[in-house]
Amino acid sequence: MGAFIWYVPVMIASDLLRGLVQGGGDLPSHMQGMTAGDHVLRGIERSGLFSVGQIGVDASGDLASLGGPAVEQIIDGMRDPLERTMIKAAPAHGLYAEALR
């Protein structure tokens, strides 16, 4: 575990950089208002330090994700509005999804 701890700052930096790129210089709405502690916790979760337990952490908010991306998208398509589902299904949606909201 100690060998992987350096992934945490790398994940924090990559999340912030990706957020700035997606937001066109500003952080996206889901990252605004996050404290340093929130970024560290997100970095720990995304770095893989929880090993196999990460599956449970990731699925805690949405059990449909346990079935994989296809099952999750089908379930989301049934419960979300059509336009939101279409945006999430489009390739590279992270680059322009924030602008369409």
C-alpha atoms as a PDB file:
ATOM      1  CA  MET A   1       0.000   0.000   0.000  1.00  0.00           C
ATOM      2  CA  GLY A   2       2.841   2.371   0.778  1.00  0.00           C
ATOM      3  CA  ALA A   3       4.174   2.094  -2.762  1.00  0.00           C
ATOM      4  CA  PHE A   4       0.851   3.303  -4.156  1.00  0.00           C
ATOM      5  CA  ILE A   5       0.361   6.282  -1.830  1.00  0.00           C
ATOM      6  CA  TRP A   6       2.051   8.598  -4.335  1.00  0.00           C
ATOM      7  CA  TYR A   7      -0.913   8.029  -6.663  1.00  0.00           C
ATOM      8  CA  VAL A   8      -3.069  10.224  -4.419  1.00  0.00           C
ATOM      9  CA  PRO A   9      -1.437  13.580  -5.294  1.00  0.00           C
ATOM     10  CA  VAL A  10      -1.220  12.502  -8.932  1.00  0.00           C
ATOM     11  CA  MET A  11      -4.973  11.802  -8.977  1.00  0.00           C
ATOM     12  CA  ILE A  12      -5.744  15.099  -7.239  1.00  0.00           C
ATOM     13  CA  ALA A  13      -3.685  17.005  -9.811  1.00  0.00           C
ATOM     14  CA  SER A  14      -5.182  15.086 -12.741  1.00  0.00           C
ATOM     15  CA  ASP A  15      -8.742  15.634 -11.486  1.00  0.00           C
ATOM     16  CA  LEU A  16      -8.145  19.365 -11.091  1.00  0.00           C
ATOM     17  CA  LEU A  17      -6.468  19.658 -14.485  1.00  0.00           C
ATOM     18  CA  ARG A  18      -9.230  17.677 -16.183  1.00  0.00           C
ATOM     19  CA  GLY A  19     -11.842  19.832 -14.446  1.00  0.00           C
ATOM     20  CA  LEU A  20     -10.154  22.996 -15.664  1.00  0.00           C
ATOM     21  CA  VAL A  21      -9.959  21.674 -19.227  1.00  0.00           C
ATOM     22  CA  GLN A  22     -13.601  20.562 -19.200  1.00  0.00           C
ATOM     23  CA  GLY A  23     -14.762  23.812 -17.637  1.00  0.00           C
ATOM     24  CA  GLY A  24     -12.799  26.010 -20.030  1.00  0.00           C
ATOM     25  CA  GLY A  25     -10.616  27.470 -17.268  1.00  0.00           C
ATOM     26  CA  ASP A  26     -13.169  27.206 -14.462  1.00  0.00           C
ATOM     27  CA  LEU A  27     -13.914  24.138 -12.395  1.00  0.00           C
ATOM     28  CA  PRO A  28     -17.111  22.315 -13.409  1.00  0.00           C
ATOM     29  CA  SER A  29     -20.178  22.705 -11.225  1.00  0.00           C
ATOM     30  CA  HIS A  30     -19.687  19.330  -9.513  1.00  0.00           C
ATOM     31  CA  MET A  31     -16.198  20.385  -8.341  1.00  0.00           C
ATOM     32  CA  GLN A  32     -16.968  23.943  -7.248  1.00  0.00           C
ATOM     33  CA  GLY A  33     -17.118  24.353  -3.505  1.00  0.00           C
ATOM     34  CA  MET A  34     -14.996  21.276  -2.795  1.00  0.00           C
ATOM     35  CA  THR A  35     -12.567  21.711   0.102  1.00  0.00           C
ATOM     36  CA  ALA A  36      -8.990  20.424   0.187  1.00  0.00           C
ATOM     37  CA  GLY A  37     -10.227  17.490   2.275  1.00  0.00           C
ATOM     38  CA  ASP A  38     -12.809  16.631  -0.375  1.00  0.00           C
ATOM     39  CA  HIS A  39     -10.097  16.617  -3.044  1.00  0.00           C
ATOM     40  CA  VAL A  40      -7.871  14.372  -0.899  1.00  0.00           C
ATOM     41  CA  LEU A  41     -10.716  11.926  -0.258  1.00  0.00           C
ATOM     42  CA  ARG A  42     -11.576  11.852  -3.957  1.00  0.00           C
ATOM     43  CA  GLY A  43      -7.882  11.331  -4.769  1.00  0.00           C
ATOM     44  CA  ILE A  44      -7.723   8.390  -2.362  1.00  0.00           C
ATOM     45  CA  GLU A  45     -10.837   6.849  -3.875  1.00  0.00           C
ATOM     46  CA  ARG A  46      -9.642   7.314  -7.462  1.00  0.00           C
ATOM     47  CA  SER A  47      -6.075   6.169  -6.805  1.00  0.00           C
ATOM     48  CA  GLY A  48      -7.113   2.567  -6.200  1.00  0.00           C
ATOM     49  CA  LEU A  49      -5.879   2.339  -2.613  1.00  0.00           C
ATOM     50  CA  PHE A  50      -9.043   0.483  -1.621  1.00  0.00           C
ATOM     51  CA  SER A  51      -8.096  -2.364  -4.005  1.00  0.00           C
ATOM     52  CA  VAL A  52     -11.045  -4.705  -4.591  1.00  0.00           C
ATOM     53  CA  GLY A  53     -13.078  -2.821  -1.988  1.00  0.00           C
ATOM     54  CA  GLN A  54     -13.158   0.092  -4.419  1.00  0.00           C
ATOM     55  CA  ILE A  55     -15.931  -1.706  -6.311  1.00  0.00           C
ATOM     56  CA  GLY A  56     -18.216  -1.345  -3.303  1.00  0.00           C
ATOM     57  CA  VAL A  57     -17.204   2.269  -2.736  1.00  0.00           C
ATOM     58  CA  ASP A  58     -17.940   3.144  -6.359  1.00  0.00           C
ATOM     59  CA  ALA A  59     -21.269   1.313  -6.362  1.00  0.00           C
ATOM     60  CA  SER A  60     -22.482   2.797  -3.083  1.00  0.00           C
ATOM     61  CA  GLY A  61     -24.213   5.625  -4.919  1.00  0.00           C
ATOM     62  CA  ASP A  62     -25.598   3.576  -7.816  1.00  0.00           C
ATOM     63  CA  LEU A  63     -26.007  -0.198  -7.659  1.00  0.00           C
ATOM     64  CA  ALA A  64     -26.633  -0.364 -11.423  1.00  0.00           C
ATOM     65  CA  SER A  65     -22.918   0.285 -11.921  1.00  0.00           C
ATOM     66  CA  LEU A  66     -22.125  -3.205 -10.595  1.00  0.00           C
ATOM     67  CA  GLY A  67     -23.452  -4.629 -13.867  1.00  0.00           C
ATOM     68  CA  GLY A  68     -20.959  -2.674 -15.936  1.00  0.00           C
ATOM     69  CA  PRO A  69     -21.247   0.374 -18.161  1.00  0.00           C
ATOM     70  CA  ALA A  70     -23.839  -1.111 -20.533  1.00  0.00           C
ATOM     71  CA  VAL A  71     -26.212  -2.128 -17.731  1.00  0.00           C
ATOM     72  CA  GLU A  72     -25.702   1.211 -15.991  1.00  0.00           C
ATOM     73  CA  GLN A  73     -26.520   3.105 -19.189  1.00  0.00           C
ATOM     74  CA  ILE A  74     -29.689   1.052 -19.754  1.00  0.00           C
ATOM     75  CA  ILE A  75     -30.876   1.695 -16.188  1.00  0.00           C
ATOM     76  CA  ASP A  76     -29.998   5.404 -16.470  1.00  0.00           C
ATOM     77  CA  GLY A  77     -31.905   5.547 -19.766  1.00  0.00           C
ATOM     78  CA  MET A  78     -35.031   4.316 -18.008  1.00  0.00           C
ATOM     79  CA  ARG A  79     -34.882   6.760 -15.107  1.00  0.00           C
ATOM     80  CA  ASP A  80     -33.233   9.900 -16.572  1.00  0.00           C
ATOM     81  CA  PRO A  81     -34.639  12.268 -19.208  1.00  0.00           C
ATOM     82  CA  LEU A  82     -33.808  11.325 -22.790  1.00  0.00           C
ATOM     83  CA  GLU A  83     -31.603  14.362 -23.475  1.00  0.00           C
ATOM     84  CA  ARG A  84     -29.411  13.635 -20.433  1.00  0.00           C
ATOM     85  CA  THR A  85     -29.043   9.999 -21.476  1.00  0.00           C
ATOM     86  CA  MET A  86     -28.099  11.001 -25.018  1.00  0.00           C
ATOM     87  CA  ILE A  87     -25.436  13.428 -23.792  1.00  0.00           C
ATOM     88  CA  LYS A  88     -23.933  10.808 -21.468  1.00  0.00           C
ATOM     89  CA  ALA A  89     -23.909   8.237 -24.292  1.00  0.00           C
ATOM     90  CA  ALA A  90     -22.108  10.490 -26.785  1.00  0.00           C
ATOM     91  CA  PRO A  91     -18.370  10.012 -27.307  1.00  0.00           C
ATOM     92  CA  ALA A  92     -16.089  12.409 -25.390  1.00  0.00           C
ATOM     93  CA  HIS A  93     -19.108  13.831 -23.568  1.00  0.00           C
ATOM     94  CA  GLY A  94     -16.925  15.087 -20.738  1.00  0.00           C
ATOM     95  CA  LEU A  95     -15.509  17.743 -23.027  1.00  0.00           C
ATOM     96  CA  TYR A  96     -18.815  19.416 -23.840  1.00  0.00           C
ATOM     97  CA  ALA A  97     -21.413  18.085 -21.388  1.00  0.00           C
ATOM     98  CA  GLU A  98     -20.888  21.005 -18.991  1.00  0.00           C
ATOM     99  CA  ALA A  99     -21.523  23.525 -21.783  1.00  0.00           C
ATOM    100  CA  LEU A 100     -24.818  21.842 -22.678  1.00  0.00           C
ATOM    101  CA  ARG A 101     -26.210  22.078 -19.147  1.00  0.00           C
END
